[in-house]
N, C-alpha and C. Protein backbone atom coordinates (compact mmCIF):
# COMPACT_ATOMS: atom_id res chain seq x y z
N MET A 1 19.26 -11.63 -13.91
CA MET A 1 18.38 -10.33 -12.98
C MET A 1 17.47 -11.13 -12.61
N LYS A 2 16.60 -10.40 -11.66
CA LYS A 2 15.75 -11.58 -10.52
C LYS A 2 14.57 -11.25 -11.57
N PRO A 3 13.71 -12.10 -11.28
CA PRO A 3 12.34 -11.75 -11.91
C PRO A 3 11.58 -10.44 -11.14
N LYS A 4 10.63 -10.28 -12.13
CA LYS A 4 9.83 -9.31 -10.87
C LYS A 4 8.59 -9.69 -10.26
N VAL A 5 8.48 -9.21 -9.20
CA VAL A 5 7.06 -9.87 -8.42
C VAL A 5 5.84 -8.57 -8.46
N CYS A 6 5.16 -9.12 -8.28
CA CYS A 6 3.88 -7.99 -8.32
C CYS A 6 3.38 -8.29 -6.90
N VAL A 7 2.86 -7.50 -5.57
CA VAL A 7 2.56 -7.44 -4.55
C VAL A 7 0.80 -6.67 -4.73
N ILE A 8 -0.12 -7.62 -4.15
CA ILE A 8 -1.51 -6.81 -4.43
C ILE A 8 -1.82 -6.56 -3.33
N ILE A 9 -2.38 -5.83 -2.66
CA ILE A 9 -3.14 -5.46 -1.19
C ILE A 9 -4.70 -4.99 -1.46
N LEU A 10 -5.85 -5.90 -1.32
CA LEU A 10 -6.91 -5.27 -1.35
C LEU A 10 -6.95 -4.28 0.16
N ILE A 11 -8.00 -3.57 -0.01
CA ILE A 11 -7.95 -3.12 0.67
C ILE A 11 -9.94 -1.92 0.66
N TYR A 12 -10.39 -2.07 2.08
CA TYR A 12 -11.54 -1.74 1.60
C TYR A 12 -12.11 -1.02 3.44
N ASN A 13 -12.00 0.53 3.37
CA ASN A 13 -12.05 0.87 4.73
C ASN A 13 -11.25 0.23 5.70
N THR A 14 -9.97 0.28 5.10
CA THR A 14 -8.87 0.04 6.72
C THR A 14 -8.60 1.51 7.40
N VAL A 15 -9.33 2.55 7.69
CA VAL A 15 -8.15 3.63 8.18
C VAL A 15 -9.26 3.81 9.95
N SER A 16 -9.62 2.95 10.20
CA SER A 16 -10.28 2.82 11.27
C SER A 16 -9.11 2.91 12.15
N LYS A 17 -9.02 2.85 13.90
CA LYS A 17 -7.88 2.74 15.13
C LYS A 17 -7.46 1.11 14.84
N LEU A 18 -8.19 0.31 14.92
CA LEU A 18 -7.88 -0.83 15.00
C LEU A 18 -6.92 -1.51 13.33
N THR A 19 -7.44 -1.56 11.86
CA THR A 19 -6.94 -1.75 11.03
C THR A 19 -5.94 -0.47 10.40
N LYS A 20 -5.95 0.51 10.91
CA LYS A 20 -5.15 1.60 10.39
C LYS A 20 -3.59 1.04 10.29
N ASN A 21 -3.22 0.16 11.65
CA ASN A 21 -1.65 0.17 12.17
C ASN A 21 -1.52 -1.14 11.45
N PHE A 22 -2.82 -1.87 11.13
CA PHE A 22 -2.29 -3.02 10.21
C PHE A 22 -1.99 -3.09 8.82
N LEU A 23 -2.71 -1.94 8.45
CA LEU A 23 -2.17 -1.68 7.15
C LEU A 23 -1.11 -1.12 7.40
N THR A 24 -0.67 0.02 7.99
CA THR A 24 0.58 0.89 8.02
C THR A 24 1.55 -0.32 7.75
N ASN A 25 1.25 -1.42 9.14
CA ASN A 25 2.80 -2.24 9.27
C ASN A 25 2.65 -3.65 7.69
N ALA A 26 1.40 -3.77 7.54
CA ALA A 26 1.78 -4.69 5.66
C ALA A 26 2.94 -3.46 4.79
N LEU A 27 1.87 -2.25 4.98
CA LEU A 27 2.98 -1.55 3.83
C LEU A 27 4.30 -1.51 4.06
N ASN A 28 4.77 -1.04 5.50
CA ASN A 28 6.06 -1.04 5.96
C ASN A 28 6.76 -1.93 5.48
N SER A 29 5.76 -3.31 5.87
CA SER A 29 6.71 -4.67 5.92
C SER A 29 7.40 -5.06 4.24
N ILE A 30 6.08 -4.88 3.37
CA ILE A 30 6.99 -5.13 1.66
C ILE A 30 7.69 -3.97 1.40
N LEU A 31 7.51 -2.91 1.92
CA LEU A 31 8.59 -1.92 1.20
C LEU A 31 10.06 -2.25 1.67
N SER A 32 9.98 -2.67 3.05
CA SER A 32 11.14 -3.07 3.52
C SER A 32 12.25 -4.16 3.62
N GLN A 33 11.54 -5.01 2.39
CA GLN A 33 11.97 -6.18 2.29
C GLN A 33 13.51 -5.91 1.46
N ASP A 34 14.37 -6.94 1.42
CA ASP A 34 15.52 -6.81 0.55
C ASP A 34 15.28 -7.13 -0.89
N TYR A 35 14.19 -7.56 -1.40
CA TYR A 35 14.51 -7.75 -2.71
C TYR A 35 13.62 -6.91 -2.90
N GLU A 36 14.14 -6.43 -4.78
CA GLU A 36 13.93 -5.06 -4.74
C GLU A 36 13.21 -5.09 -5.98
N ASN A 37 13.29 -5.76 -6.60
CA ASN A 37 12.22 -5.95 -8.05
C ASN A 37 11.18 -6.21 -7.79
N PHE A 38 10.24 -5.50 -7.77
CA PHE A 38 8.73 -5.83 -7.38
C PHE A 38 7.64 -4.68 -7.54
N LYS A 39 6.63 -4.56 -7.62
CA LYS A 39 5.93 -3.43 -7.79
C LYS A 39 4.80 -3.80 -6.66
N LEU A 40 4.18 -2.34 -6.39
CA LEU A 40 3.31 -2.70 -5.11
C LEU A 40 2.15 -2.37 -5.76
N ILE A 41 0.95 -2.81 -5.60
CA ILE A 41 -0.47 -2.55 -5.84
C ILE A 41 -1.52 -2.47 -4.94
N THR A 42 -1.80 -1.52 -4.30
CA THR A 42 -2.99 -1.28 -3.29
C THR A 42 -4.42 -1.55 -4.46
N ILE A 43 -5.57 -1.97 -4.19
CA ILE A 43 -6.67 -2.04 -4.86
C ILE A 43 -7.76 -1.54 -3.46
N ASP A 44 -8.32 -0.26 -3.80
CA ASP A 44 -9.22 0.27 -3.34
C ASP A 44 -10.61 -0.39 -3.75
N ASN A 45 -11.34 -1.16 -2.71
CA ASN A 45 -12.72 -1.59 -3.59
C ASN A 45 -14.19 -0.86 -2.89
N GLY A 46 -13.76 0.57 -3.31
CA GLY A 46 -15.03 1.54 -3.42
C GLY A 46 -15.18 1.79 -1.57
N SER A 47 -13.97 1.87 -0.99
CA SER A 47 -14.52 2.36 0.44
C SER A 47 -14.83 3.85 0.82
N ILE A 48 -15.58 3.58 1.79
CA ILE A 48 -16.47 5.23 1.74
C ILE A 48 -15.78 5.96 3.18
N ASP A 49 -14.67 5.23 3.34
CA ASP A 49 -13.82 5.90 4.29
C ASP A 49 -12.61 6.92 3.70
N ASP A 50 -11.21 7.25 4.43
CA ASP A 50 -10.06 7.82 3.88
C ASP A 50 -9.22 6.77 3.51
N THR A 51 -9.92 5.78 3.68
CA THR A 51 -8.65 4.77 2.85
C THR A 51 -7.94 4.98 2.03
N SER A 52 -8.32 5.50 0.87
CA SER A 52 -7.89 5.92 -0.21
C SER A 52 -6.81 7.41 -0.15
N SER A 53 -7.01 8.16 0.43
CA SER A 53 -6.53 9.09 0.85
C SER A 53 -5.36 8.91 1.75
N TYR A 54 -5.10 7.86 2.56
CA TYR A 54 -4.51 7.05 3.13
C TYR A 54 -3.14 6.59 2.53
N VAL A 55 -3.53 5.47 2.15
CA VAL A 55 -2.67 5.39 0.96
C VAL A 55 -1.85 6.39 0.14
N TYR A 56 -2.37 7.06 -0.78
CA TYR A 56 -1.85 7.75 -1.29
C TYR A 56 -0.70 8.75 -0.60
N ASN A 57 -1.56 9.29 0.66
CA ASN A 57 -0.39 10.14 1.31
C ASN A 57 1.15 8.89 2.01
N TYR A 58 0.35 8.73 2.11
CA TYR A 58 1.75 7.20 2.58
C TYR A 58 2.60 7.14 1.51
N PHE A 59 2.12 7.02 0.76
CA PHE A 59 3.50 6.61 -0.66
C PHE A 59 3.76 8.14 -0.72
N LEU A 60 3.39 9.00 -0.99
CA LEU A 60 4.14 10.27 -1.23
C LEU A 60 5.17 10.29 -0.19
N ASN A 61 4.62 10.57 1.01
CA ASN A 61 5.51 10.43 2.59
C ASN A 61 6.64 9.56 2.36
N GLN A 62 6.40 8.17 1.70
CA GLN A 62 7.95 8.12 1.53
C GLN A 62 8.42 7.74 0.50
N GLY A 63 7.86 8.65 -0.38
CA GLY A 63 8.96 9.34 -1.56
C GLY A 63 9.05 8.32 -3.19
N ASN A 64 7.93 7.38 -2.77
CA ASN A 64 7.79 6.81 -4.01
C ASN A 64 6.20 6.61 -4.43
N GLY A 65 6.40 5.82 -5.51
CA GLY A 65 4.98 5.11 -6.04
C GLY A 65 4.19 6.11 -6.73
N ASN A 66 3.26 5.43 -7.18
CA ASN A 66 2.52 6.05 -8.89
C ASN A 66 1.27 5.90 -8.07
N LYS A 67 0.37 6.76 -8.62
CA LYS A 67 -1.08 6.46 -8.30
C LYS A 67 -2.05 6.51 -9.77
N VAL A 68 -2.84 5.61 -9.73
CA VAL A 68 -3.54 5.28 -10.97
C VAL A 68 -4.97 5.21 -10.45
N LYS A 69 -5.80 5.66 -11.46
CA LYS A 69 -7.16 5.72 -10.43
C LYS A 69 -8.13 5.34 -11.75
């Protein structure tokens, strides 16, 4: 069995027009990899915008993911 890989993305106030696309592209890129034995962790460092809600809804729409707060 292939070893499990953990991918960690640190996020902070990333739902502005410029950075929202960057975050979405990063998440899409990670989830579209051929390697399937991985865990994706997003860490919100106290955002004051809707970053946490955006990431949560992104994973709900993908049909996967667990939210730990």
